[in-house]
């Protein structure tokens, strides 16, 4: 087992920033793929969340953790939805 999962509250500022950066990068990557498919709405939604995540990642105080958790959940859900959509297309 690689390690125990931590909550945002248990992470260091560097760990939090890294997680936020990873999710923002994933959103941008899926936005690029969605753009190639012509899904403008998905591109705009993904980039909006990615940019908001990047905006808070540098100055993430304890009081901002609830906001960060919501943004992470939204970002991860968008990436997940896009991944599922691509899998369904590949099967057909």
C-alpha atoms as a PDB file:
ATOM      1  CA  UNK A   1       0.000   0.000   0.000  1.00  0.00           C
ATOM      2  CA  UNK A   2       1.618   3.283  -1.098  1.00  0.00           C
ATOM      3  CA  UNK A   3       0.389   5.356   1.839  1.00  0.00           C
ATOM      4  CA  UNK A   4      -2.548   6.541   3.810  1.00  0.00           C
ATOM      5  CA  UNK A   5      -4.879   9.070   2.237  1.00  0.00           C
ATOM      6  CA  UNK A   6      -5.122  12.446   3.919  1.00  0.00           C
ATOM      7  CA  UNK A   7      -7.856  15.024   4.071  1.00  0.00           C
ATOM      8  CA  UNK A   8      -7.082  18.550   2.901  1.00  0.00           C
ATOM      9  CA  UNK A   9      -6.985  19.580   6.539  1.00  0.00           C
ATOM     10  CA  UNK A  10      -4.261  16.987   7.238  1.00  0.00           C
ATOM     11  CA  UNK A  11      -2.139  17.962   4.215  1.00  0.00           C
ATOM     12  CA  UNK A  12       0.647  20.468   4.237  1.00  0.00           C
ATOM     13  CA  UNK A  13       0.277  23.605   2.151  1.00  0.00           C
ATOM     14  CA  UNK A  14       2.623  22.100  -0.458  1.00  0.00           C
ATOM     15  CA  UNK A  15       0.579  18.877  -0.631  1.00  0.00           C
ATOM     16  CA  UNK A  16      -2.652  20.857  -1.005  1.00  0.00           C
ATOM     17  CA  UNK A  17      -1.191  23.030  -3.725  1.00  0.00           C
ATOM     18  CA  UNK A  18       0.095  19.965  -5.564  1.00  0.00           C
ATOM     19  CA  UNK A  19      -3.311  18.276  -5.448  1.00  0.00           C
ATOM     20  CA  UNK A  20      -5.053  21.405  -6.703  1.00  0.00           C
ATOM     21  CA  UNK A  21      -2.485  21.748  -9.490  1.00  0.00           C
ATOM     22  CA  UNK A  22      -3.009  18.123 -10.538  1.00  0.00           C
ATOM     23  CA  UNK A  23      -6.786  18.520 -10.757  1.00  0.00           C
ATOM     24  CA  UNK A  24      -6.439  21.808 -12.674  1.00  0.00           C
ATOM     25  CA  UNK A  25      -4.028  20.127 -15.119  1.00  0.00           C
ATOM     26  CA  UNK A  26      -6.481  17.243 -15.630  1.00  0.00           C
ATOM     27  CA  UNK A  27      -9.306  19.708 -16.288  1.00  0.00           C
ATOM     28  CA  UNK A  28      -7.224  21.530 -18.873  1.00  0.00           C
ATOM     29  CA  UNK A  29      -6.269  18.266 -20.589  1.00  0.00           C
ATOM     30  CA  UNK A  30      -9.880  17.126 -20.830  1.00  0.00           C
ATOM     31  CA  UNK A  31     -10.901  20.595 -21.991  1.00  0.00           C
ATOM     32  CA  UNK A  32      -8.402  20.267 -24.847  1.00  0.00           C
ATOM     33  CA  UNK A  33      -9.888  16.904 -25.836  1.00  0.00           C
ATOM     34  CA  UNK A  34     -13.428  18.262 -25.571  1.00  0.00           C
ATOM     35  CA  UNK A  35     -12.423  21.185 -27.773  1.00  0.00           C
ATOM     36  CA  UNK A  36     -11.278  18.759 -30.441  1.00  0.00           C
ATOM     37  CA  UNK A  37     -14.738  17.147 -30.204  1.00  0.00           C
ATOM     38  CA  UNK A  38     -16.418  20.546 -30.539  1.00  0.00           C
ATOM     39  CA  UNK A  39     -17.895  20.534 -27.009  1.00  0.00           C
ATOM     40  CA  UNK A  40     -17.568  24.238 -26.263  1.00  0.00           C
ATOM     41  CA  UNK A  41     -19.697  24.113 -23.125  1.00  0.00           C
ATOM     42  CA  UNK A  42     -17.483  21.468 -21.532  1.00  0.00           C
ATOM     43  CA  UNK A  43     -14.368  23.427 -22.480  1.00  0.00           C
ATOM     44  CA  UNK A  44     -15.698  26.591 -20.858  1.00  0.00           C
ATOM     45  CA  UNK A  45     -16.881  24.815 -17.692  1.00  0.00           C
ATOM     46  CA  UNK A  46     -13.603  22.932 -17.292  1.00  0.00           C
ATOM     47  CA  UNK A  47     -11.423  25.958 -17.887  1.00  0.00           C
ATOM     48  CA  UNK A  48     -13.484  28.064 -15.494  1.00  0.00           C
ATOM     49  CA  UNK A  49     -13.024  25.550 -12.682  1.00  0.00           C
ATOM     50  CA  UNK A  50      -9.344  24.990 -13.563  1.00  0.00           C
ATOM     51  CA  UNK A  51      -8.644  28.734 -13.461  1.00  0.00           C
ATOM     52  CA  UNK A  52     -10.519  29.148 -10.184  1.00  0.00           C
ATOM     53  CA  UNK A  53      -8.557  26.263  -8.666  1.00  0.00           C
ATOM     54  CA  UNK A  54      -5.296  27.818  -9.843  1.00  0.00           C
ATOM     55  CA  UNK A  55      -6.384  31.145  -8.372  1.00  0.00           C
ATOM     56  CA  UNK A  56      -6.771  29.757  -4.871  1.00  0.00           C
ATOM     57  CA  UNK A  57      -3.926  27.241  -4.879  1.00  0.00           C
ATOM     58  CA  UNK A  58      -1.175  29.721  -4.052  1.00  0.00           C
ATOM     59  CA  UNK A  59      -2.820  31.182  -0.968  1.00  0.00           C
ATOM     60  CA  UNK A  60      -4.770  28.354   0.602  1.00  0.00           C
ATOM     61  CA  UNK A  61      -5.394  29.099   4.264  1.00  0.00           C
ATOM     62  CA  UNK A  62      -7.317  26.849   6.644  1.00  0.00           C
ATOM     63  CA  UNK A  63     -10.458  28.953   6.211  1.00  0.00           C
ATOM     64  CA  UNK A  64     -10.431  28.298   2.454  1.00  0.00           C
ATOM     65  CA  UNK A  65     -10.460  24.502   2.720  1.00  0.00           C
ATOM     66  CA  UNK A  66     -14.227  24.166   2.275  1.00  0.00           C
ATOM     67  CA  UNK A  67     -14.031  26.155  -0.960  1.00  0.00           C
ATOM     68  CA  UNK A  68     -11.076  24.078  -2.120  1.00  0.00           C
ATOM     69  CA  UNK A  69     -12.924  20.835  -1.335  1.00  0.00           C
ATOM     70  CA  UNK A  70     -15.941  21.965  -3.379  1.00  0.00           C
ATOM     71  CA  UNK A  71     -13.787  22.994  -6.328  1.00  0.00           C
ATOM     72  CA  UNK A  72     -11.845  19.744  -6.201  1.00  0.00           C
ATOM     73  CA  UNK A  73     -15.067  17.734  -6.103  1.00  0.00           C
ATOM     74  CA  UNK A  74     -16.490  19.648  -9.073  1.00  0.00           C
ATOM     75  CA  UNK A  75     -13.266  19.346 -11.018  1.00  0.00           C
ATOM     76  CA  UNK A  76     -12.865  15.645 -10.375  1.00  0.00           C
ATOM     77  CA  UNK A  77     -16.509  15.035 -11.305  1.00  0.00           C
ATOM     78  CA  UNK A  78     -16.091  16.872 -14.621  1.00  0.00           C
ATOM     79  CA  UNK A  79     -12.998  14.853 -15.490  1.00  0.00           C
ATOM     80  CA  UNK A  80     -14.828  11.660 -14.497  1.00  0.00           C
ATOM     81  CA  UNK A  81     -17.870  12.536 -16.628  1.00  0.00           C
ATOM     82  CA  UNK A  82     -15.682  13.259 -19.625  1.00  0.00           C
ATOM     83  CA  UNK A  83     -13.783  10.006 -19.148  1.00  0.00           C
ATOM     84  CA  UNK A  84     -17.040   8.038 -19.010  1.00  0.00           C
ATOM     85  CA  UNK A  85     -18.319   9.783 -22.114  1.00  0.00           C
ATOM     86  CA  UNK A  86     -15.158   8.917 -24.023  1.00  0.00           C
ATOM     87  CA  UNK A  87     -15.387   5.260 -22.927  1.00  0.00           C
ATOM     88  CA  UNK A  88     -18.989   5.033 -24.145  1.00  0.00           C
ATOM     89  CA  UNK A  89     -17.990   6.511 -27.515  1.00  0.00           C
ATOM     90  CA  UNK A  90     -15.143   4.031 -27.857  1.00  0.00           C
ATOM     91  CA  UNK A  91     -17.523   1.110 -27.357  1.00  0.00           C
ATOM     92  CA  UNK A  92     -19.840   2.245 -30.176  1.00  0.00           C
END
